[in-house]
Amino acid sequence: MPVLVRLDVSWFPRGSGQEGMVELPPWSRVTDLLDELKETPDGVLVVRDGVPVPLDTPLSEGDAVRIVRTVSGG
């Protein structure tokens, strides 16, 4: 059974603040979600249900995920 993840896409074009659903294969992890979205893990923080999670975290049906782009510079 595929996993449907609710995604806050505020990181999407110009911070649209919308939500969307992403369908992933069973046993998907955060890295699989980033691959599906063509987003690199460098420079993002992934938050699931309000808590930052490591990239190898398994995703479950209905998880609420937010991808936060990080900024660095000098």
N, C-alpha and C. Protein backbone atom coordinates (compact mmCIF):
# COMPACT_ATOMS: atom_id res chain seq x y z
N MET A 1 0.85 -1.18 0.00
CA MET A 1 0.00 0.00 0.00
C MET A 1 0.89 1.24 0.00
N PRO A 2 0.66 2.19 -0.90
CA PRO A 2 1.48 3.40 -0.92
C PRO A 2 1.24 4.26 0.33
N VAL A 3 2.22 5.09 0.63
CA VAL A 3 2.14 6.00 1.76
C VAL A 3 1.81 7.39 1.24
N LEU A 4 0.75 7.99 1.78
CA LEU A 4 0.41 9.37 1.43
C LEU A 4 0.92 10.28 2.54
N VAL A 5 1.74 11.24 2.16
CA VAL A 5 2.32 12.17 3.11
C VAL A 5 1.76 13.56 2.83
N ARG A 6 1.25 14.20 3.87
CA ARG A 6 0.76 15.58 3.73
C ARG A 6 1.97 16.50 3.82
N LEU A 7 2.16 17.30 2.81
CA LEU A 7 3.37 18.12 2.71
C LEU A 7 3.02 19.59 2.73
N ASP A 8 3.64 20.30 3.64
CA ASP A 8 3.54 21.76 3.66
C ASP A 8 4.56 22.25 2.65
N VAL A 9 4.08 22.85 1.59
CA VAL A 9 4.98 23.23 0.51
C VAL A 9 5.33 24.71 0.58
N SER A 10 5.48 25.23 1.79
CA SER A 10 5.86 26.64 1.92
C SER A 10 7.25 26.88 1.36
N TRP A 11 8.02 25.83 1.19
CA TRP A 11 9.35 25.96 0.59
C TRP A 11 9.27 26.01 -0.92
N PHE A 12 8.09 25.71 -1.47
CA PHE A 12 7.88 25.70 -2.91
C PHE A 12 7.94 27.12 -3.45
N PRO A 13 7.71 27.33 -4.71
CA PRO A 13 7.96 28.64 -5.32
C PRO A 13 7.47 29.83 -4.49
N ARG A 14 8.43 30.60 -4.05
CA ARG A 14 8.17 31.86 -3.35
C ARG A 14 7.27 31.72 -2.13
N GLY A 15 7.38 30.61 -1.42
CA GLY A 15 6.64 30.45 -0.17
C GLY A 15 5.14 30.55 -0.32
N SER A 16 4.58 29.74 -1.20
CA SER A 16 3.15 29.81 -1.48
C SER A 16 2.29 29.46 -0.27
N GLY A 17 2.87 28.74 0.71
CA GLY A 17 2.13 28.41 1.92
C GLY A 17 1.01 27.40 1.71
N GLN A 18 1.03 26.69 0.61
CA GLN A 18 -0.01 25.71 0.33
C GLN A 18 0.37 24.36 0.92
N GLU A 19 -0.58 23.45 0.90
CA GLU A 19 -0.30 22.08 1.30
C GLU A 19 -0.57 21.18 0.12
N GLY A 20 0.08 20.05 0.10
CA GLY A 20 -0.14 19.09 -0.96
C GLY A 20 0.05 17.69 -0.41
N MET A 21 -0.26 16.71 -1.23
CA MET A 21 -0.08 15.31 -0.85
C MET A 21 0.94 14.70 -1.80
N VAL A 22 1.81 13.89 -1.24
CA VAL A 22 2.80 13.17 -2.02
C VAL A 22 2.59 11.69 -1.75
N GLU A 23 2.49 10.91 -2.82
CA GLU A 23 2.33 9.46 -2.69
C GLU A 23 3.69 8.81 -2.88
N LEU A 24 4.08 8.00 -1.90
CA LEU A 24 5.37 7.32 -1.93
C LEU A 24 5.17 5.82 -1.78
N PRO A 25 6.14 5.04 -2.22
CA PRO A 25 6.05 3.58 -2.02
C PRO A 25 6.07 3.24 -0.53
N PRO A 26 5.56 2.06 -0.18
CA PRO A 26 5.62 1.63 1.22
C PRO A 26 7.07 1.62 1.71
N TRP A 27 7.24 1.79 2.99
CA TRP A 27 8.54 1.78 3.64
C TRP A 27 9.45 2.91 3.17
N SER A 28 8.88 4.01 2.69
CA SER A 28 9.68 5.16 2.26
C SER A 28 10.24 5.89 3.47
N ARG A 29 11.35 6.53 3.25
CA ARG A 29 12.02 7.32 4.29
C ARG A 29 12.07 8.78 3.84
N VAL A 30 12.51 9.64 4.73
CA VAL A 30 12.60 11.07 4.41
C VAL A 30 13.45 11.28 3.16
N THR A 31 14.53 10.53 3.01
CA THR A 31 15.38 10.68 1.82
C THR A 31 14.61 10.37 0.54
N ASP A 32 13.69 9.41 0.60
CA ASP A 32 12.87 9.08 -0.58
C ASP A 32 11.95 10.24 -0.93
N LEU A 33 11.41 10.89 0.09
CA LEU A 33 10.56 12.06 -0.13
C LEU A 33 11.35 13.18 -0.81
N LEU A 34 12.55 13.44 -0.31
CA LEU A 34 13.38 14.48 -0.91
C LEU A 34 13.75 14.13 -2.35
N ASP A 35 14.04 12.86 -2.61
CA ASP A 35 14.32 12.42 -3.99
C ASP A 35 13.12 12.66 -4.89
N GLU A 36 11.94 12.31 -4.40
CA GLU A 36 10.71 12.50 -5.18
C GLU A 36 10.49 13.97 -5.52
N LEU A 37 10.86 14.84 -4.61
CA LEU A 37 10.67 16.28 -4.80
C LEU A 37 11.86 16.94 -5.50
N LYS A 38 12.87 16.11 -5.82
CA LYS A 38 14.10 16.60 -6.46
C LYS A 38 14.76 17.69 -5.61
N GLU A 39 14.78 17.44 -4.31
CA GLU A 39 15.37 18.36 -3.34
C GLU A 39 16.59 17.68 -2.73
N THR A 40 17.68 18.39 -2.59
CA THR A 40 18.87 17.81 -1.98
C THR A 40 18.79 17.92 -0.47
N PRO A 41 19.33 16.93 0.25
CA PRO A 41 19.27 16.99 1.71
C PRO A 41 20.15 18.08 2.30
N ASP A 42 21.15 18.52 1.54
CA ASP A 42 22.00 19.62 2.01
C ASP A 42 21.18 20.90 1.92
N GLY A 43 21.06 21.59 3.02
CA GLY A 43 20.36 22.86 2.98
C GLY A 43 18.89 22.80 3.30
N VAL A 44 18.39 21.64 3.77
CA VAL A 44 16.99 21.58 4.20
C VAL A 44 16.91 20.91 5.57
N LEU A 45 15.89 21.27 6.29
CA LEU A 45 15.55 20.64 7.55
C LEU A 45 14.16 20.06 7.36
N VAL A 46 14.00 18.79 7.69
CA VAL A 46 12.69 18.14 7.53
C VAL A 46 12.06 17.98 8.91
N VAL A 47 10.82 18.46 9.01
CA VAL A 47 10.09 18.43 10.27
C VAL A 47 8.84 17.59 10.06
N ARG A 48 8.67 16.57 10.90
CA ARG A 48 7.49 15.70 10.83
C ARG A 48 6.69 15.87 12.10
N ASP A 49 5.43 16.22 11.93
CA ASP A 49 4.54 16.41 13.07
C ASP A 49 5.16 17.35 14.11
N GLY A 50 5.83 18.40 13.63
CA GLY A 50 6.37 19.43 14.50
C GLY A 50 7.74 19.15 15.08
N VAL A 51 8.36 18.01 14.73
CA VAL A 51 9.65 17.64 15.30
C VAL A 51 10.66 17.40 14.17
N PRO A 52 11.86 18.02 14.23
CA PRO A 52 12.88 17.74 13.22
C PRO A 52 13.25 16.26 13.25
N VAL A 53 13.44 15.68 12.06
CA VAL A 53 13.74 14.25 11.97
C VAL A 53 14.98 14.01 11.10
N PRO A 54 15.73 12.93 11.39
CA PRO A 54 16.86 12.56 10.55
C PRO A 54 16.39 12.08 9.17
N LEU A 55 17.30 12.09 8.23
CA LEU A 55 16.96 11.72 6.85
C LEU A 55 16.57 10.26 6.69
N ASP A 56 17.00 9.38 7.60
CA ASP A 56 16.67 7.97 7.47
C ASP A 56 15.37 7.59 8.20
N THR A 57 14.61 8.58 8.63
CA THR A 57 13.35 8.34 9.35
C THR A 57 12.30 7.76 8.42
N PRO A 58 11.67 6.64 8.80
CA PRO A 58 10.58 6.09 7.99
C PRO A 58 9.36 7.02 8.04
N LEU A 59 8.65 7.07 6.93
CA LEU A 59 7.42 7.87 6.85
C LEU A 59 6.22 6.95 6.95
N SER A 60 5.16 7.45 7.57
CA SER A 60 3.93 6.69 7.73
C SER A 60 2.77 7.41 7.07
N GLU A 61 1.76 6.65 6.76
CA GLU A 61 0.55 7.19 6.15
C GLU A 61 0.04 8.39 6.96
N GLY A 62 -0.17 9.51 6.28
CA GLY A 62 -0.76 10.68 6.92
C GLY A 62 0.20 11.57 7.67
N ASP A 63 1.51 11.27 7.63
CA ASP A 63 2.47 12.15 8.30
C ASP A 63 2.34 13.57 7.76
N ALA A 64 2.45 14.54 8.65
CA ALA A 64 2.49 15.95 8.26
C ALA A 64 3.96 16.36 8.22
N VAL A 65 4.45 16.70 7.04
CA VAL A 65 5.87 17.00 6.85
C VAL A 65 6.04 18.42 6.35
N ARG A 66 7.02 19.10 6.92
CA ARG A 66 7.38 20.44 6.45
C ARG A 66 8.85 20.40 6.08
N ILE A 67 9.18 20.97 4.94
CA ILE A 67 10.56 21.08 4.52
C ILE A 67 10.96 22.55 4.64
N VAL A 68 11.98 22.78 5.45
CA VAL A 68 12.43 24.13 5.71
C VAL A 68 13.80 24.30 5.06
N ARG A 69 13.91 25.26 4.18
CA ARG A 69 15.22 25.52 3.56
C ARG A 69 16.07 26.31 4.54
N THR A 70 17.31 25.87 4.67
CA THR A 70 18.23 26.57 5.55
C THR A 70 19.08 27.53 4.73
N VAL A 71 19.54 28.57 5.37
CA VAL A 71 20.34 29.58 4.69
C VAL A 71 21.64 29.71 5.46
N SER A 72 22.72 29.76 4.72
CA SER A 72 24.00 30.00 5.37
C SER A 72 24.79 31.00 4.55
N GLY A 73 25.72 31.57 5.16
CA GLY A 73 26.55 32.55 4.47
C GLY A 73 27.46 33.23 5.45
N GLY A 74 28.21 34.14 4.93
CA GLY A 74 29.17 34.77 5.82
C GLY A 74 29.20 36.26 5.66
